[in-house]
């Protein structure tokens, strides 16, 4: 199960997750935590550090496919994953798009350093 993975932070809140990633201080440091909303449609959040900024990316659960997708709904060319582990494995080898919510600046990074509280 993914609960035992080194990158799974369980019910760790957003602030604790961000503090942990900032302590690691390496681009690509990441973890997955349960979303604070406890929403069945967005059960998890992928937190990623890049250039001293933590990006919190919603992980959506897709009932119709029983899979997962990153970010907000309605994107073109959306990637789907069968598990949280598949998301991690994919983005260790394929760049993850990060969009700054304030400036809309786009960056990419790989998931490189799993973090665990």
PDB file of N, CA and C in Angstrom:
ATOM      1  N   UNK A   1       0.829  -1.200   0.000  1.00  0.00           N
ATOM      2  CA  UNK A   1       0.000   0.000   0.000  1.00  0.00           C
ATOM      3  C   UNK A   1       0.868   1.257   0.000  1.00  0.00           C
ATOM      4  N   UNK A   2       0.312   2.318  -0.561  1.00  0.00           N
ATOM      5  CA  UNK A   2       1.071   3.558  -0.664  1.00  0.00           C
ATOM      6  C   UNK A   2       1.285   4.227   0.693  1.00  0.00           C
ATOM      7  N   UNK A   3       0.458   3.896   1.716  1.00  0.00           N
ATOM      8  CA  UNK A   3       0.621   4.530   3.027  1.00  0.00           C
ATOM      9  C   UNK A   3       2.002   4.283   3.617  1.00  0.00           C
ATOM     10  N   UNK A   4       2.673   3.235   3.167  1.00  0.00           N
ATOM     11  CA  UNK A   4       3.991   2.902   3.694  1.00  0.00           C
ATOM     12  C   UNK A   4       5.124   3.513   2.875  1.00  0.00           C
ATOM     13  N   UNK A   5       4.805   4.193   1.811  1.00  0.00           N
ATOM     14  CA  UNK A   5       5.830   4.773   0.938  1.00  0.00           C
ATOM     15  C   UNK A   5       6.507   5.957   1.622  1.00  0.00           C
ATOM     16  N   UNK A   6       7.775   6.162   1.290  1.00  0.00           N
ATOM     17  CA  UNK A   6       8.539   7.241   1.920  1.00  0.00           C
ATOM     18  C   UNK A   6       8.023   8.622   1.553  1.00  0.00           C
ATOM     19  N   UNK A   7       7.278   8.731   0.474  1.00  0.00           N
ATOM     20  CA  UNK A   7       6.763  10.023   0.032  1.00  0.00           C
ATOM     21  C   UNK A   7       5.361  10.322   0.539  1.00  0.00           C
ATOM     22  N   UNK A   8       4.723   9.382   1.254  1.00  0.00           N
ATOM     23  CA  UNK A   8       3.349   9.605   1.713  1.00  0.00           C
ATOM     24  C   UNK A   8       3.349  10.187   3.117  1.00  0.00           C
ATOM     25  N   UNK A   9       2.746  11.373   3.254  1.00  0.00           N
ATOM     26  CA  UNK A   9       2.760  12.086   4.532  1.00  0.00           C
ATOM     27  C   UNK A   9       1.423  12.021   5.268  1.00  0.00           C
ATOM     28  N   UNK A  10       0.490  11.234   4.783  1.00  0.00           N
ATOM     29  CA  UNK A  10      -0.776  11.038   5.484  1.00  0.00           C
ATOM     30  C   UNK A  10      -1.551  12.324   5.710  1.00  0.00           C
ATOM     31  N   UNK A  11      -1.945  12.549   6.969  1.00  0.00           N
ATOM     32  CA  UNK A  11      -2.755  13.716   7.320  1.00  0.00           C
ATOM     33  C   UNK A  11      -1.931  14.957   7.630  1.00  0.00           C
ATOM     34  N   UNK A  12      -0.697  14.969   7.246  1.00  0.00           N
ATOM     35  CA  UNK A  12       0.178  16.130   7.425  1.00  0.00           C
ATOM     36  C   UNK A  12      -0.512  17.363   6.813  1.00  0.00           C
ATOM     37  N   UNK A  13      -0.572  18.473   7.557  1.00  0.00           N
ATOM     38  CA  UNK A  13      -1.242  19.653   7.003  1.00  0.00           C
ATOM     39  C   UNK A  13      -0.328  20.414   6.041  1.00  0.00           C
ATOM     40  N   UNK A  14      -0.902  21.372   5.352  1.00  0.00           N
ATOM     41  CA  UNK A  14      -0.181  22.111   4.310  1.00  0.00           C
ATOM     42  C   UNK A  14       1.064  22.807   4.860  1.00  0.00           C
ATOM     43  N   UNK A  15       0.930  23.473   5.996  1.00  0.00           N
ATOM     44  CA  UNK A  15       2.062  24.220   6.568  1.00  0.00           C
ATOM     45  C   UNK A  15       3.205  23.276   6.938  1.00  0.00           C
ATOM     46  N   UNK A  16       2.883  22.162   7.587  1.00  0.00           N
ATOM     47  CA  UNK A  16       3.912  21.187   7.967  1.00  0.00           C
ATOM     48  C   UNK A  16       4.609  20.634   6.725  1.00  0.00           C
ATOM     49  N   UNK A  17       3.831  20.326   5.693  1.00  0.00           N
ATOM     50  CA  UNK A  17       4.397  19.808   4.442  1.00  0.00           C
ATOM     51  C   UNK A  17       5.329  20.836   3.809  1.00  0.00           C
ATOM     52  N   UNK A  18       4.895  22.086   3.752  1.00  0.00           N
ATOM     53  CA  UNK A  18       5.725  23.136   3.152  1.00  0.00           C
ATOM     54  C   UNK A  18       7.006  23.343   3.949  1.00  0.00           C
ATOM     55  N   UNK A  19       6.899  23.360   5.283  1.00  0.00           N
ATOM     56  CA  UNK A  19       8.091  23.529   6.129  1.00  0.00           C
ATOM     57  C   UNK A  19       9.087  22.393   5.902  1.00  0.00           C
ATOM     58  N   UNK A  20       8.585  21.176   5.800  1.00  0.00           N
ATOM     59  CA  UNK A  20       9.446  20.012   5.579  1.00  0.00           C
ATOM     60  C   UNK A  20      10.184  20.120   4.248  1.00  0.00           C
ATOM     61  N   UNK A  21       9.479  20.479   3.192  1.00  0.00           N
ATOM     62  CA  UNK A  21      10.110  20.598   1.875  1.00  0.00           C
ATOM     63  C   UNK A  21      11.125  21.740   1.853  1.00  0.00           C
ATOM     64  N   UNK A  22      10.809  22.841   2.510  1.00  0.00           N
ATOM     65  CA  UNK A  22      11.755  23.970   2.565  1.00  0.00           C
ATOM     66  C   UNK A  22      13.014  23.588   3.342  1.00  0.00           C
ATOM     67  N   UNK A  23      12.875  22.727   4.359  1.00  0.00           N
ATOM     68  CA  UNK A  23      14.044  22.247   5.109  1.00  0.00           C
ATOM     69  C   UNK A  23      14.954  21.406   4.217  1.00  0.00           C
ATOM     70  N   UNK A  24      14.366  20.565   3.395  1.00  0.00           N
ATOM     71  CA  UNK A  24      15.147  19.721   2.483  1.00  0.00           C
ATOM     72  C   UNK A  24      15.894  20.603   1.493  1.00  0.00           C
ATOM     73  N   UNK A  25      15.214  21.651   1.013  1.00  0.00           N
ATOM     74  CA  UNK A  25      15.841  22.695   0.196  1.00  0.00           C
ATOM     75  C   UNK A  25      16.510  22.162  -1.073  1.00  0.00           C
ATOM     76  N   UNK A  26      15.849  21.231  -1.748  1.00  0.00           N
ATOM     77  CA  UNK A  26      16.356  20.710  -3.024  1.00  0.00           C
ATOM     78  C   UNK A  26      15.218  20.722  -4.031  1.00  0.00           C
ATOM     79  N   UNK A  27      15.481  21.285  -5.218  1.00  0.00           N
ATOM     80  CA  UNK A  27      14.461  21.270  -6.263  1.00  0.00           C
ATOM     81  C   UNK A  27      14.025  19.832  -6.518  1.00  0.00           C
ATOM     82  N   UNK A  28      12.731  19.635  -6.612  1.00  0.00           N
ATOM     83  CA  UNK A  28      12.201  18.299  -6.850  1.00  0.00           C
ATOM     84  C   UNK A  28      11.850  17.538  -5.587  1.00  0.00           C
ATOM     85  N   UNK A  29      12.117  18.125  -4.399  1.00  0.00           N
ATOM     86  CA  UNK A  29      11.675  17.485  -3.153  1.00  0.00           C
ATOM     87  C   UNK A  29      10.149  17.437  -3.186  1.00  0.00           C
ATOM     88  N   UNK A  30       9.569  16.333  -2.731  1.00  0.00           N
ATOM     89  CA  UNK A  30       8.123  16.177  -2.865  1.00  0.00           C
ATOM     90  C   UNK A  30       7.547  15.257  -1.803  1.00  0.00           C
ATOM     91  N   UNK A  31       6.245  15.341  -1.648  1.00  0.00           N
ATOM     92  CA  UNK A  31       5.483  14.404  -0.836  1.00  0.00           C
ATOM     93  C   UNK A  31       4.031  14.440  -1.297  1.00  0.00           C
ATOM     94  N   UNK A  32       3.303  13.416  -0.930  1.00  0.00           N
ATOM     95  CA  UNK A  32       1.854  13.398  -1.146  1.00  0.00           C
ATOM     96  C   UNK A  32       1.214  13.349   0.231  1.00  0.00           C
ATOM     97  N   UNK A  33       0.212  14.214   0.433  1.00  0.00           N
ATOM     98  CA  UNK A  33      -0.524  14.249   1.694  1.00  0.00           C
ATOM     99  C   UNK A  33      -2.019  14.185   1.396  1.00  0.00           C
ATOM    100  N   UNK A  34      -2.776  13.831   2.416  1.00  0.00           N
ATOM    101  CA  UNK A  34      -4.229  13.879   2.258  1.00  0.00           C
ATOM    102  C   UNK A  34      -4.641  15.343   2.150  1.00  0.00           C
ATOM    103  N   UNK A  35      -5.561  15.640   1.258  1.00  0.00           N
ATOM    104  CA  UNK A  35      -6.037  17.014   1.106  1.00  0.00           C
ATOM    105  C   UNK A  35      -6.826  17.426   2.340  1.00  0.00           C
ATOM    106  N   UNK A  36      -6.645  18.664   2.746  1.00  0.00           N
ATOM    107  CA  UNK A  36      -7.317  19.150   3.948  1.00  0.00           C
ATOM    108  C   UNK A  36      -8.836  19.153   3.796  1.00  0.00           C
ATOM    109  N   UNK A  37      -9.332  19.274   2.573  1.00  0.00           N
ATOM    110  CA  UNK A  37     -10.780  19.299   2.346  1.00  0.00           C
ATOM    111  C   UNK A  37     -11.420  17.929   2.574  1.00  0.00           C
ATOM    112  N   UNK A  38     -10.610  16.864   2.576  1.00  0.00           N
ATOM    113  CA  UNK A  38     -11.124  15.496   2.736  1.00  0.00           C
ATOM    114  C   UNK A  38     -12.241  15.225   1.726  1.00  0.00           C
ATOM    115  N   UNK A  39     -12.018  15.637   0.513  1.00  0.00           N
ATOM    116  CA  UNK A  39     -12.995  15.552  -0.564  1.00  0.00           C
ATOM    117  C   UNK A  39     -12.725  14.291  -1.388  1.00  0.00           C
ATOM    118  N   UNK A  40     -13.754  13.515  -1.666  1.00  0.00           N
ATOM    119  CA  UNK A  40     -13.580  12.272  -2.430  1.00  0.00           C
ATOM    120  C   UNK A  40     -13.090  12.539  -3.854  1.00  0.00           C
ATOM    121  N   UNK A  41     -13.416  13.700  -4.406  1.00  0.00           N
ATOM    122  CA  UNK A  41     -12.991  14.013  -5.776  1.00  0.00           C
ATOM    123  C   UNK A  41     -11.563  14.540  -5.824  1.00  0.00           C
ATOM    124  N   UNK A  42     -11.058  15.045  -4.712  1.00  0.00           N
ATOM    125  CA  UNK A  42      -9.669  15.501  -4.645  1.00  0.00           C
ATOM    126  C   UNK A  42      -9.090  15.031  -3.308  1.00  0.00           C
ATOM    127  N   UNK A  43      -8.796  13.736  -3.215  1.00  0.00           N
ATOM    128  CA  UNK A  43      -8.398  13.177  -1.927  1.00  0.00           C
ATOM    129  C   UNK A  43      -6.968  13.497  -1.492  1.00  0.00           C
ATOM    130  N   UNK A  44      -6.097  13.844  -2.436  1.00  0.00           N
ATOM    131  CA  UNK A  44      -4.683  14.043  -2.111  1.00  0.00           C
ATOM    132  C   UNK A  44      -4.135  15.308  -2.757  1.00  0.00           C
ATOM    133  N   UNK A  45      -2.980  15.729  -2.229  1.00  0.00           N
ATOM    134  CA  UNK A  45      -2.254  16.865  -2.786  1.00  0.00           C
ATOM    135  C   UNK A  45      -0.796  16.459  -2.952  1.00  0.00           C
ATOM    136  N   UNK A  46      -0.231  16.765  -4.105  1.00  0.00           N
ATOM    137  CA  UNK A  46       1.193  16.572  -4.359  1.00  0.00           C
ATOM    138  C   UNK A  46       1.876  17.905  -4.075  1.00  0.00           C
ATOM    139  N   UNK A  47       2.771  17.931  -3.097  1.00  0.00           N
ATOM    140  CA  UNK A  47       3.518  19.143  -2.759  1.00  0.00           C
ATOM    141  C   UNK A  47       4.935  18.983  -3.301  1.00  0.00           C
ATOM    142  N   UNK A  48       5.395  19.974  -4.073  1.00  0.00           N
ATOM    143  CA  UNK A  48       6.698  19.910  -4.745  1.00  0.00           C
ATOM    144  C   UNK A  48       7.452  21.215  -4.509  1.00  0.00           C
ATOM    145  N   UNK A  49       8.735  21.103  -4.187  1.00  0.00           N
ATOM    146  CA  UNK A  49       9.579  22.284  -4.002  1.00  0.00           C
ATOM    147  C   UNK A  49      10.353  22.573  -5.282  1.00  0.00           C
ATOM    148  N   UNK A  50      10.327  23.845  -5.681  1.00  0.00           N
ATOM    149  CA  UNK A  50      11.125  24.280  -6.832  1.00  0.00           C
ATOM    150  C   UNK A  50      11.504  25.738  -6.617  1.00  0.00           C
ATOM    151  N   UNK A  51      12.796  26.018  -6.630  1.00  0.00           N
ATOM    152  CA  UNK A  51      13.320  27.376  -6.428  1.00  0.00           C
ATOM    153  C   UNK A  51      12.733  28.053  -5.191  1.00  0.00           C
ATOM    154  N   UNK A  52      12.836  27.369  -4.070  1.00  0.00           N
ATOM    155  CA  UNK A  52      12.408  27.908  -2.772  1.00  0.00           C
ATOM    156  C   UNK A  52      10.907  28.168  -2.665  1.00  0.00           C
ATOM    157  N   UNK A  53      10.122  27.615  -3.566  1.00  0.00           N
ATOM    158  CA  UNK A  53       8.663  27.779  -3.520  1.00  0.00           C
ATOM    159  C   UNK A  53       8.020  26.397  -3.535  1.00  0.00           C
ATOM    160  N   UNK A  54       6.997  26.238  -2.699  1.00  0.00           N
ATOM    161  CA  UNK A  54       6.271  24.971  -2.660  1.00  0.00           C
ATOM    162  C   UNK A  54       5.008  25.094  -3.509  1.00  0.00           C
ATOM    163  N   UNK A  55       4.856  24.164  -4.422  1.00  0.00           N
ATOM    164  CA  UNK A  55       3.674  24.087  -5.281  1.00  0.00           C
ATOM    165  C   UNK A  55       2.786  22.967  -4.746  1.00  0.00           C
ATOM    166  N   UNK A  56       1.524  23.275  -4.484  1.00  0.00           N
ATOM    167  CA  UNK A  56       0.555  22.291  -4.009  1.00  0.00           C
ATOM    168  C   UNK A  56      -0.379  21.949  -5.163  1.00  0.00           C
ATOM    169  N   UNK A  57      -0.246  20.743  -5.669  1.00  0.00           N
ATOM    170  CA  UNK A  57      -0.988  20.327  -6.861  1.00  0.00           C
ATOM    171  C   UNK A  57      -2.077  19.334  -6.452  1.00  0.00           C
ATOM    172  N   UNK A  58      -3.339  19.680  -6.722  1.00  0.00           N
ATOM    173  CA  UNK A  58      -4.417  18.745  -6.382  1.00  0.00           C
ATOM    174  C   UNK A  58      -4.279  17.435  -7.165  1.00  0.00           C
ATOM    175  N   UNK A  59      -4.556  16.338  -6.489  1.00  0.00           N
ATOM    176  CA  UNK A  59      -4.647  15.033  -7.153  1.00  0.00           C
ATOM    177  C   UNK A  59      -6.122  14.655  -7.127  1.00  0.00           C
ATOM    178  N   UNK A  60      -6.709  14.569  -8.309  1.00  0.00           N
ATOM    179  CA  UNK A  60      -8.131  14.256  -8.428  1.00  0.00           C
ATOM    180  C   UNK A  60      -8.344  12.761  -8.630  1.00  0.00           C
ATOM    181  N   UNK A  61      -9.381  12.246  -8.001  1.00  0.00           N
ATOM    182  CA  UNK A  61      -9.786  10.856  -8.212  1.00  0.00           C
ATOM    183  C   UNK A  61     -10.903  10.850  -9.241  1.00  0.00           C
ATOM    184  N   UNK A  62     -10.745  10.032 -10.262  1.00  0.00           N
ATOM    185  CA  UNK A  62     -11.718   9.968 -11.347  1.00  0.00           C
ATOM    186  C   UNK A  62     -12.558   8.706 -11.186  1.00  0.00           C
ATOM    187  N   UNK A  63     -13.760   8.886 -10.733  1.00  0.00           N
ATOM    188  CA  UNK A  63     -14.654   7.761 -10.437  1.00  0.00           C
ATOM    189  C   UNK A  63     -14.850   6.844 -11.642  1.00  0.00           C
ATOM    190  N   UNK A  64     -15.031   7.448 -12.827  1.00  0.00           N
ATOM    191  CA  UNK A  64     -15.343   6.639 -14.015  1.00  0.00           C
ATOM    192  C   UNK A  64     -14.198   5.718 -14.431  1.00  0.00           C
ATOM    193  N   UNK A  65     -12.962   6.119 -14.184  1.00  0.00           N
ATOM    194  CA  UNK A  65     -11.823   5.277 -14.565  1.00  0.00           C
ATOM    195  C   UNK A  65     -11.127   4.661 -13.354  1.00  0.00           C
ATOM    196  N   UNK A  66     -11.546   5.064 -12.155  1.00  0.00           N
ATOM    197  CA  UNK A  66     -10.900   4.619 -10.904  1.00  0.00           C
ATOM    198  C   UNK A  66      -9.421   4.981 -10.912  1.00  0.00           C
ATOM    199  N   UNK A  67      -9.085   6.093 -11.535  1.00  0.00           N
ATOM    200  CA  UNK A  67      -7.696   6.535 -11.615  1.00  0.00           C
ATOM    201  C   UNK A  67      -7.530   7.943 -11.073  1.00  0.00           C
ATOM    202  N   UNK A  68      -6.365   8.519 -11.329  1.00  0.00           N
ATOM    203  CA  UNK A  68      -6.015   9.833 -10.795  1.00  0.00           C
ATOM    204  C   UNK A  68      -5.522  10.757 -11.904  1.00  0.00           C
ATOM    205  N   UNK A  69      -5.685  12.063 -11.672  1.00  0.00           N
ATOM    206  CA  UNK A  69      -5.150  13.089 -12.567  1.00  0.00           C
ATOM    207  C   UNK A  69      -4.674  14.250 -11.702  1.00  0.00           C
ATOM    208  N   UNK A  70      -3.706  15.003 -12.215  1.00  0.00           N
ATOM    209  CA  UNK A  70      -3.146  16.138 -11.473  1.00  0.00           C
ATOM    210  C   UNK A  70      -3.796  17.449 -11.890  1.00  0.00           C
ATOM    211  N   UNK A  71      -3.895  18.369 -10.949  1.00  0.00           N
ATOM    212  CA  UNK A  71      -4.347  19.725 -11.246  1.00  0.00           C
ATOM    213  C   UNK A  71      -5.852  19.861 -11.336  1.00  0.00           C
ATOM    214  N   UNK A  72      -6.257  20.990 -11.878  1.00  0.00           N
ATOM    215  CA  UNK A  72      -7.685  21.301 -11.990  1.00  0.00           C
ATOM    216  C   UNK A  72      -8.311  20.540 -13.160  1.00  0.00           C
ATOM    217  N   UNK A  73      -9.620  20.420 -13.102  1.00  0.00           N
ATOM    218  CA  UNK A  73     -10.353  19.708 -14.161  1.00  0.00           C
ATOM    219  C   UNK A  73     -10.369  20.490 -15.462  1.00  0.00           C
ATOM    220  N   UNK A  74     -10.589  19.761 -16.560  1.00  0.00           N
ATOM    221  CA  UNK A  74     -10.840  20.399 -17.838  1.00  0.00           C
ATOM    222  C   UNK A  74      -9.623  20.782 -18.659  1.00  0.00           C
ATOM    223  N   UNK A  75      -8.462  20.191 -18.354  1.00  0.00           N
ATOM    224  CA  UNK A  75      -7.269  20.506 -19.140  1.00  0.00           C
ATOM    225  C   UNK A  75      -7.251  19.662 -20.415  1.00  0.00           C
ATOM    226  N   UNK A  76      -6.669  20.227 -21.467  1.00  0.00           N
ATOM    227  CA  UNK A  76      -6.472  19.448 -22.695  1.00  0.00           C
ATOM    228  C   UNK A  76      -5.284  18.518 -22.490  1.00  0.00           C
ATOM    229  N   UNK A  77      -5.286  17.411 -23.178  1.00  0.00           N
ATOM    230  CA  UNK A  77      -4.175  16.445 -23.127  1.00  0.00           C
ATOM    231  C   UNK A  77      -3.842  16.019 -21.697  1.00  0.00           C
ATOM    232  N   UNK A  78      -4.853  15.833 -20.898  1.00  0.00           N
ATOM    233  CA  UNK A  78      -4.639  15.462 -19.503  1.00  0.00           C
ATOM    234  C   UNK A  78      -4.091  14.040 -19.398  1.00  0.00           C
ATOM    235  N   UNK A  79      -3.142  13.859 -18.485  1.00  0.00           N
ATOM    236  CA  UNK A  79      -2.581  12.530 -18.246  1.00  0.00           C
ATOM    237  C   UNK A  79      -3.350  11.875 -17.110  1.00  0.00           C
ATOM    238  N   UNK A  80      -3.591  10.571 -17.246  1.00  0.00           N
ATOM    239  CA  UNK A  80      -4.301   9.808 -16.231  1.00  0.00           C
ATOM    240  C   UNK A  80      -3.374   8.729 -15.686  1.00  0.00           C
ATOM    241  N   UNK A  81      -3.520   8.427 -14.401  1.00  0.00           N
ATOM    242  CA  UNK A  81      -2.658   7.455 -13.733  1.00  0.00           C
ATOM    243  C   UNK A  81      -3.521   6.472 -12.952  1.00  0.00           C
ATOM    244  N   UNK A  82      -3.081   5.227 -12.906  1.00  0.00           N
ATOM    245  CA  UNK A  82      -3.860   4.199 -12.219  1.00  0.00           C
ATOM    246  C   UNK A  82      -3.641   4.208 -10.707  1.00  0.00           C
ATOM    247  N   UNK A  83      -2.539   4.839 -10.254  1.00  0.00           N
ATOM    248  CA  UNK A  83      -2.234   4.849  -8.818  1.00  0.00           C
ATOM    249  C   UNK A  83      -1.370   6.056  -8.473  1.00  0.00           C
ATOM    250  N   UNK A  84      -1.247   6.329  -7.172  1.00  0.00           N
ATOM    251  CA  UNK A  84      -0.346   7.398  -6.725  1.00  0.00           C
ATOM    252  C   UNK A  84       1.098   7.036  -7.065  1.00  0.00           C
ATOM    253  N   UNK A  85       1.449   5.759  -6.904  1.00  0.00           N
ATOM    254  CA  UNK A  85       2.807   5.310  -7.237  1.00  0.00           C
ATOM    255  C   UNK A  85       3.120   5.576  -8.704  1.00  0.00           C
ATOM    256  N   UNK A  86       2.144   5.391  -9.575  1.00  0.00           N
ATOM    257  CA  UNK A  86       2.373   5.641 -11.001  1.00  0.00           C
ATOM    258  C   UNK A  86       2.642   7.129 -11.262  1.00  0.00           C
ATOM    259  N   UNK A  87       1.961   8.008 -10.537  1.00  0.00           N
ATOM    260  CA  UNK A  87       2.217   9.453 -10.668  1.00  0.00           C
ATOM    261  C   UNK A  87       3.671   9.745 -10.324  1.00  0.00           C
ATOM    262  N   UNK A  88       4.123   9.198  -9.189  1.00  0.00           N
ATOM    263  CA  UNK A  88       5.498   9.431  -8.733  1.00  0.00           C
ATOM    264  C   UNK A  88       6.496   8.860  -9.737  1.00  0.00           C
ATOM    265  N   UNK A  89       6.317   7.613 -10.121  1.00  0.00           N
ATOM    266  CA  UNK A  89       7.249   6.970 -11.061  1.00  0.00           C
ATOM    267  C   UNK A  89       7.324   7.737 -12.374  1.00  0.00           C
ATOM    268  N   UNK A  90       6.180   8.159 -12.876  1.00  0.00           N
ATOM    269  CA  UNK A  90       6.140   8.890 -14.145  1.00  0.00           C
ATOM    270  C   UNK A  90       6.926  10.200 -14.056  1.00  0.00           C
ATOM    271  N   UNK A  91       6.722  10.938 -12.963  1.00  0.00           N
ATOM    272  CA  UNK A  91       7.350  12.259 -12.862  1.00  0.00           C
ATOM    273  C   UNK A  91       8.767  12.222 -12.285  1.00  0.00           C
ATOM    274  N   UNK A  92       9.272  11.040 -11.999  1.00  0.00           N
ATOM    275  CA  UNK A  92      10.708  10.913 -11.727  1.00  0.00           C
ATOM    276  C   UNK A  92      11.468  10.927 -13.047  1.00  0.00           C
ATOM    277  N   UNK A  93      10.790  10.512 -14.124  1.00  0.00           N
ATOM    278  CA  UNK A  93      11.423  10.413 -15.443  1.00  0.00           C
ATOM    279  C   UNK A  93      10.884  11.399 -16.466  1.00  0.00           C
ATOM    280  N   UNK A  94       9.752  12.008 -16.177  1.00  0.00           N
ATOM    281  CA  UNK A  94       9.119  12.975 -17.081  1.00  0.00           C
ATOM    282  C   UNK A  94       8.842  14.248 -16.299  1.00  0.00           C
ATOM    283  N   UNK A  95       9.171  15.381 -16.883  1.00  0.00           N
ATOM    284  CA  UNK A  95       9.031  16.641 -16.165  1.00  0.00           C
ATOM    285  C   UNK A  95       7.588  16.922 -15.770  1.00  0.00           C
ATOM    286  N   UNK A  96       7.457  17.517 -14.596  1.00  0.00           N
ATOM    287  CA  UNK A  96       6.168  17.926 -14.057  1.00  0.00           C
ATOM    288  C   UNK A  96       6.025  19.425 -14.282  1.00  0.00           C
ATOM    289  N   UNK A  97       4.905  19.839 -14.845  1.00  0.00           N
ATOM    290  CA  UNK A  97       4.652  21.258 -15.080  1.00  0.00           C
ATOM    291  C   UNK A  97       4.165  21.905 -13.792  1.00  0.00           C
ATOM    292  N   UNK A  98       4.828  22.991 -13.402  1.00  0.00           N
ATOM    293  CA  UNK A  98       4.448  23.759 -12.218  1.00  0.00           C
ATOM    294  C   UNK A  98       4.001  25.136 -12.679  1.00  0.00           C
ATOM    295  N   UNK A  99       2.842  25.583 -12.225  1.00  0.00           N
ATOM    296  CA  UNK A  99       2.335  26.903 -12.602  1.00  0.00           C
ATOM    297  C   UNK A  99       2.150  27.724 -11.337  1.00  0.00           C
ATOM    298  N   UNK A 100       2.823  28.875 -11.279  1.00  0.00           N
ATOM    299  CA  UNK A 100       2.711  29.769 -10.130  1.00  0.00           C
ATOM    300  C   UNK A 100       1.304  30.367 -10.118  1.00  0.00           C
ATOM    301  N   UNK A 101       0.584  30.164  -9.029  1.00  0.00           N
ATOM    302  CA  UNK A 101      -0.812  30.614  -8.976  1.00  0.00           C
ATOM    303  C   UNK A 101      -0.947  32.135  -8.999  1.00  0.00           C
ATOM    304  N   UNK A 102       0.093  32.846  -8.572  1.00  0.00           N
ATOM    305  CA  UNK A 102       0.020  34.311  -8.571  1.00  0.00           C
ATOM    306  C   UNK A 102       0.461  34.904  -9.901  1.00  0.00           C
ATOM    307  N   UNK A 103       1.645  34.533 -10.360  1.00  0.00           N
ATOM    308  CA  UNK A 103       2.206  35.147 -11.574  1.00  0.00           C
ATOM    309  C   UNK A 103       1.862  34.374 -12.851  1.00  0.00           C
ATOM    310  N   UNK A 104       1.366  33.149 -12.706  1.00  0.00           N
ATOM    311  CA  UNK A 104       1.087  32.247 -13.831  1.00  0.00           C
ATOM    312  C   UNK A 104       2.366  31.804 -14.561  1.00  0.00           C
ATOM    313  N   UNK A 105       3.535  32.078 -13.964  1.00  0.00           N
ATOM    314  CA  UNK A 105       4.805  31.634 -14.551  1.00  0.00           C
ATOM    315  C   UNK A 105       4.836  30.105 -14.562  1.00  0.00           C
ATOM    316  N   UNK A 106       5.413  29.538 -15.623  1.00  0.00           N
ATOM    317  CA  UNK A 106       5.471  28.085 -15.769  1.00  0.00           C
ATOM    318  C   UNK A 106       6.909  27.601 -15.610  1.00  0.00           C
ATOM    319  N   UNK A 107       7.059  26.525 -14.857  1.00  0.00           N
ATOM    320  CA  UNK A 107       8.358  25.890 -14.634  1.00  0.00           C
ATOM    321  C   UNK A 107       8.160  24.385 -14.767  1.00  0.00           C
ATOM    322  N   UNK A 108       9.254  23.663 -14.909  1.00  0.00           N
ATOM    323  CA  UNK A 108       9.176  22.203 -14.903  1.00  0.00           C
ATOM    324  C   UNK A 108      10.275  21.646 -14.012  1.00  0.00           C
ATOM    325  N   UNK A 109       9.996  20.515 -13.399  1.00  0.00           N
ATOM    326  CA  UNK A 109      10.988  19.822 -12.592  1.00  0.00           C
ATOM    327  C   UNK A 109      10.636  18.335 -12.567  1.00  0.00           C
ATOM    328  N   UNK A 110      11.567  17.548 -12.092  1.00  0.00           N
ATOM    329  CA  UNK A 110      11.342  16.120 -11.871  1.00  0.00           C
ATOM    330  C   UNK A 110      11.122  15.902 -10.378  1.00  0.00           C
ATOM    331  N   UNK A 111      10.438  14.835 -10.016  1.00  0.00           N
ATOM    332  CA  UNK A 111      10.322  14.456  -8.612  1.00  0.00           C
ATOM    333  C   UNK A 111      11.592  13.701  -8.252  1.00  0.00           C
ATOM    334  N   UNK A 112      12.394  14.268  -7.349  1.00  0.00           N
ATOM    335  CA  UNK A 112      13.720  13.706  -7.090  1.00  0.00           C
ATOM    336  C   UNK A 112      13.987  13.301  -5.644  1.00  0.00           C
ATOM    337  N   UNK A 113      13.407  14.015  -4.682  1.00  0.00           N
ATOM    338  CA  UNK A 113      13.737  13.782  -3.271  1.00  0.00           C
ATOM    339  C   UNK A 113      12.462  13.564  -2.458  1.00  0.00           C
ATOM    340  N   UNK A 114      12.076  12.306  -2.205  1.00  0.00           N
ATOM    341  CA  UNK A 114      10.878  12.067  -1.407  1.00  0.00           C
ATOM    342  C   UNK A 114      11.066  12.569   0.020  1.00  0.00           C
ATOM    343  N   UNK A 115      10.013  13.141   0.577  1.00  0.00           N
ATOM    344  CA  UNK A 115      10.077  13.681   1.937  1.00  0.00           C
ATOM    345  C   UNK A 115       9.033  12.980   2.798  1.00  0.00           C
ATOM    346  N   UNK A 116       9.358  12.794   4.065  1.00  0.00           N
ATOM    347  CA  UNK A 116       8.418  12.164   4.991  1.00  0.00           C
ATOM    348  C   UNK A 116       8.547  12.852   6.345  1.00  0.00           C
ATOM    349  N   UNK A 117       7.428  13.267   6.927  1.00  0.00           N
ATOM    350  CA  UNK A 117       7.502  13.964   8.227  1.00  0.00           C
ATOM    351  C   UNK A 117       7.928  13.038   9.351  1.00  0.00           C
TER     352      UNK A 117
END
